[in-house]
Amino acid sequence: MHTTSHQLLKGSLSAIILKLLANTQWMYGYEICQTVKQLTDGQLKVTEGALYTALYKLEADGILITKTQIVEGRARKYYSIAPDQQGNAVNRLTQIEQFLQQLQRILSPDDLIKLPTT
């Protein structure tokens, strides 16, 4: 993945996490990485370092809650959107979707903006 793509993914990671957790109540880190890879046909690969940084920040901000379960003798930490933060998460996702729509309007070759000439 190119550096630019990596930076765009890193900047979008919180939105990706919130969207996945809005659709699946509890997920663990590796599951999130694999889901992103699967949904994008391998085009986006989330590194564990970037993922856990984003997860820890969302948890510290009170947006995510966690639970730990023992699976095959190992502790696995699951993440979910905190019940009192569901509205906040939906609001964040709505803002991102609106931003992407505006960005698409700018980038779309069919809707080229006519810039004033000086």
C-alpha atoms as a PDB file:
ATOM      1  CA  MET A   1       0.000   0.000   0.000  1.00  0.00           C
ATOM      2  CA  HIS A   2       1.344   3.425  -0.910  1.00  0.00           C
ATOM      3  CA  THR A   3       2.193   5.918   1.827  1.00  0.00           C
ATOM      4  CA  THR A   4      -0.696   8.176   0.760  1.00  0.00           C
ATOM      5  CA  SER A   5      -3.182   5.285   0.896  1.00  0.00           C
ATOM      6  CA  HIS A   6      -1.826   4.278   4.295  1.00  0.00           C
ATOM      7  CA  GLN A   7      -2.282   7.827   5.613  1.00  0.00           C
ATOM      8  CA  LEU A   8      -5.840   8.007   4.244  1.00  0.00           C
ATOM      9  CA  LEU A   9      -6.677   4.668   5.863  1.00  0.00           C
ATOM     10  CA  LYS A  10      -5.164   5.731   9.175  1.00  0.00           C
ATOM     11  CA  GLY A  11      -7.251   8.914   9.120  1.00  0.00           C
ATOM     12  CA  SER A  12     -10.388   6.912   8.361  1.00  0.00           C
ATOM     13  CA  LEU A  13      -9.827   4.113  10.834  1.00  0.00           C
ATOM     14  CA  SER A  14     -12.111   5.441  13.579  1.00  0.00           C
ATOM     15  CA  ALA A  15     -14.972   5.686  11.087  1.00  0.00           C
ATOM     16  CA  ILE A  16     -14.309   2.160   9.835  1.00  0.00           C
ATOM     17  CA  ILE A  17     -14.285   0.802  13.390  1.00  0.00           C
ATOM     18  CA  LEU A  18     -17.508   2.606  14.321  1.00  0.00           C
ATOM     19  CA  LYS A  19     -19.273   1.422  11.162  1.00  0.00           C
ATOM     20  CA  LEU A  20     -18.259  -2.203  11.710  1.00  0.00           C
ATOM     21  CA  LEU A  21     -19.281  -2.099  15.368  1.00  0.00           C
ATOM     22  CA  ALA A  22     -22.587  -0.439  14.497  1.00  0.00           C
ATOM     23  CA  ASN A  23     -23.353  -3.477  12.310  1.00  0.00           C
ATOM     24  CA  THR A  24     -21.818  -6.151  14.579  1.00  0.00           C
ATOM     25  CA  GLN A  25     -22.185  -5.486  18.272  1.00  0.00           C
ATOM     26  CA  TRP A  26     -18.908  -7.038  19.535  1.00  0.00           C
ATOM     27  CA  MET A  27     -15.674  -7.544  17.589  1.00  0.00           C
ATOM     28  CA  TYR A  28     -12.059  -8.202  18.511  1.00  0.00           C
ATOM     29  CA  GLY A  29      -9.054  -6.582  16.850  1.00  0.00           C
ATOM     30  CA  TYR A  30      -7.974  -9.359  14.505  1.00  0.00           C
ATOM     31  CA  GLU A  31     -11.592  -9.801  13.432  1.00  0.00           C
ATOM     32  CA  ILE A  32     -11.781  -6.098  12.532  1.00  0.00           C
ATOM     33  CA  CYS A  33      -8.570  -6.360  10.462  1.00  0.00           C
ATOM     34  CA  GLN A  34      -9.844  -9.426   8.611  1.00  0.00           C
ATOM     35  CA  THR A  35     -13.283  -7.914   8.001  1.00  0.00           C
ATOM     36  CA  VAL A  36     -11.771  -4.780   6.431  1.00  0.00           C
ATOM     37  CA  LYS A  37      -9.522  -6.937   4.265  1.00  0.00           C
ATOM     38  CA  GLN A  38     -12.462  -9.117   3.191  1.00  0.00           C
ATOM     39  CA  LEU A  39     -14.849  -6.211   2.502  1.00  0.00           C
ATOM     40  CA  THR A  40     -12.234  -4.463   0.339  1.00  0.00           C
ATOM     41  CA  ASP A  41     -11.057  -7.593  -1.506  1.00  0.00           C
ATOM     42  CA  GLY A  42      -7.663  -7.171   0.116  1.00  0.00           C
ATOM     43  CA  GLN A  43      -7.204  -3.601  -1.108  1.00  0.00           C
ATOM     44  CA  LEU A  44      -7.154  -2.153   2.416  1.00  0.00           C
ATOM     45  CA  LYS A  45      -5.034  -3.825   5.041  1.00  0.00           C
ATOM     46  CA  VAL A  46      -5.241  -2.495   8.573  1.00  0.00           C
ATOM     47  CA  THR A  47      -2.077  -2.975  10.593  1.00  0.00           C
ATOM     48  CA  GLU A  48      -2.510  -4.052  14.182  1.00  0.00           C
ATOM     49  CA  GLY A  49      -0.476  -1.075  15.396  1.00  0.00           C
ATOM     50  CA  ALA A  50      -2.765   1.449  13.690  1.00  0.00           C
ATOM     51  CA  LEU A  51      -5.895  -0.463  14.677  1.00  0.00           C
ATOM     52  CA  TYR A  52      -5.095  -0.755  18.367  1.00  0.00           C
ATOM     53  CA  THR A  53      -4.055   2.900  18.536  1.00  0.00           C
ATOM     54  CA  ALA A  54      -7.475   3.865  17.160  1.00  0.00           C
ATOM     55  CA  LEU A  55      -9.307   1.385  19.410  1.00  0.00           C
ATOM     56  CA  TYR A  56      -7.513   2.640  22.538  1.00  0.00           C
ATOM     57  CA  LYS A  57      -8.307   6.254  21.636  1.00  0.00           C
ATOM     58  CA  LEU A  58     -12.010   5.491  21.094  1.00  0.00           C
ATOM     59  CA  GLU A  59     -12.030   3.598  24.395  1.00  0.00           C
ATOM     60  CA  ALA A  60     -10.272   6.463  26.216  1.00  0.00           C
ATOM     61  CA  ASP A  61     -12.831   8.882  24.732  1.00  0.00           C
ATOM     62  CA  GLY A  62     -15.597   6.736  26.250  1.00  0.00           C
ATOM     63  CA  ILE A  63     -17.051   5.773  22.874  1.00  0.00           C
ATOM     64  CA  LEU A  64     -16.103   2.106  23.097  1.00  0.00           C
ATOM     65  CA  ILE A  65     -16.449  -0.389  25.897  1.00  0.00           C
ATOM     66  CA  THR A  66     -14.618  -3.691  26.179  1.00  0.00           C
ATOM     67  CA  LYS A  67     -15.029  -7.162  27.558  1.00  0.00           C
ATOM     68  CA  THR A  68     -12.490  -9.942  27.780  1.00  0.00           C
ATOM     69  CA  GLN A  69     -13.234 -13.583  27.104  1.00  0.00           C
ATOM     70  CA  ILE A  70     -10.984 -16.608  27.237  1.00  0.00           C
ATOM     71  CA  VAL A  71     -10.940 -18.314  23.830  1.00  0.00           C
ATOM     72  CA  GLU A  72      -8.825 -21.448  23.346  1.00  0.00           C
ATOM     73  CA  GLY A  73      -6.912 -20.633  26.520  1.00  0.00           C
ATOM     74  CA  ARG A  74      -6.093 -17.049  25.504  1.00  0.00           C
ATOM     75  CA  ALA A  75      -7.660 -13.775  26.592  1.00  0.00           C
ATOM     76  CA  ARG A  76      -9.441 -11.994  23.745  1.00  0.00           C
ATOM     77  CA  LYS A  77     -10.565  -8.386  24.124  1.00  0.00           C
ATOM     78  CA  TYR A  78     -13.834  -7.497  22.416  1.00  0.00           C
ATOM     79  CA  TYR A  79     -14.954  -3.955  21.594  1.00  0.00           C
ATOM     80  CA  SER A  80     -18.427  -2.464  21.306  1.00  0.00           C
ATOM     81  CA  ILE A  81     -19.948   0.994  21.095  1.00  0.00           C
ATOM     82  CA  ALA A  82     -20.928   2.112  24.593  1.00  0.00           C
ATOM     83  CA  PRO A  83     -24.727   2.132  24.950  1.00  0.00           C
ATOM     84  CA  ASP A  84     -24.773   5.815  25.878  1.00  0.00           C
ATOM     85  CA  GLN A  85     -22.574   6.633  22.851  1.00  0.00           C
ATOM     86  CA  GLN A  86     -24.727   5.069  20.129  1.00  0.00           C
ATOM     87  CA  GLY A  87     -26.085   8.478  19.121  1.00  0.00           C
ATOM     88  CA  ASN A  88     -22.596   9.984  19.126  1.00  0.00           C
ATOM     89  CA  ALA A  89     -21.323   7.175  16.903  1.00  0.00           C
ATOM     90  CA  VAL A  90     -24.223   7.607  14.469  1.00  0.00           C
ATOM     91  CA  ASN A  91     -23.571  11.358  14.409  1.00  0.00           C
ATOM     92  CA  ARG A  92     -19.874  10.828  13.643  1.00  0.00           C
ATOM     93  CA  LEU A  93     -20.704   8.410  10.847  1.00  0.00           C
ATOM     94  CA  THR A  94     -23.277  10.809   9.389  1.00  0.00           C
ATOM     95  CA  GLN A  95     -20.719  13.627   9.388  1.00  0.00           C
ATOM     96  CA  ILE A  96     -18.187  11.407   7.626  1.00  0.00           C
ATOM     97  CA  GLU A  97     -20.744  10.284   5.032  1.00  0.00           C
ATOM     98  CA  GLN A  98     -21.654  13.923   4.334  1.00  0.00           C
ATOM     99  CA  PHE A  99     -17.977  14.820   4.012  1.00  0.00           C
ATOM    100  CA  LEU A 100     -17.415  11.938   1.566  1.00  0.00           C
ATOM    101  CA  GLN A 101     -20.398  13.071  -0.503  1.00  0.00           C
ATOM    102  CA  GLN A 102     -18.933  16.569  -0.745  1.00  0.00           C
ATOM    103  CA  LEU A 103     -15.496  15.183  -1.560  1.00  0.00           C
ATOM    104  CA  GLN A 104     -17.025  13.018  -4.285  1.00  0.00           C
ATOM    105  CA  ARG A 105     -18.718  16.093  -5.752  1.00  0.00           C
ATOM    106  CA  ILE A 106     -15.316  17.750  -6.039  1.00  0.00           C
ATOM    107  CA  LEU A 107     -13.533  14.688  -7.407  1.00  0.00           C
ATOM    108  CA  SER A 108     -16.249  13.483  -9.791  1.00  0.00           C
ATOM    109  CA  PRO A 109     -15.353  14.176 -13.417  1.00  0.00           C
ATOM    110  CA  ASP A 110     -19.059  14.562 -14.269  1.00  0.00           C
ATOM    111  CA  ASP A 111     -19.536  17.408 -11.849  1.00  0.00           C
ATOM    112  CA  LEU A 112     -16.392  19.425 -12.457  1.00  0.00           C
ATOM    113  CA  ILE A 113     -16.570  22.705 -10.679  1.00  0.00           C
ATOM    114  CA  LYS A 114     -16.117  25.715 -12.891  1.00  0.00           C
ATOM    115  CA  LEU A 115     -13.563  27.829 -11.078  1.00  0.00           C
ATOM    116  CA  PRO A 116     -13.694  31.566 -11.678  1.00  0.00           C
ATOM    117  CA  THR A 117     -10.921  32.825 -13.869  1.00  0.00           C
ATOM    118  CA  THR A 118      -8.886  35.794 -12.764  1.00  0.00           C
END
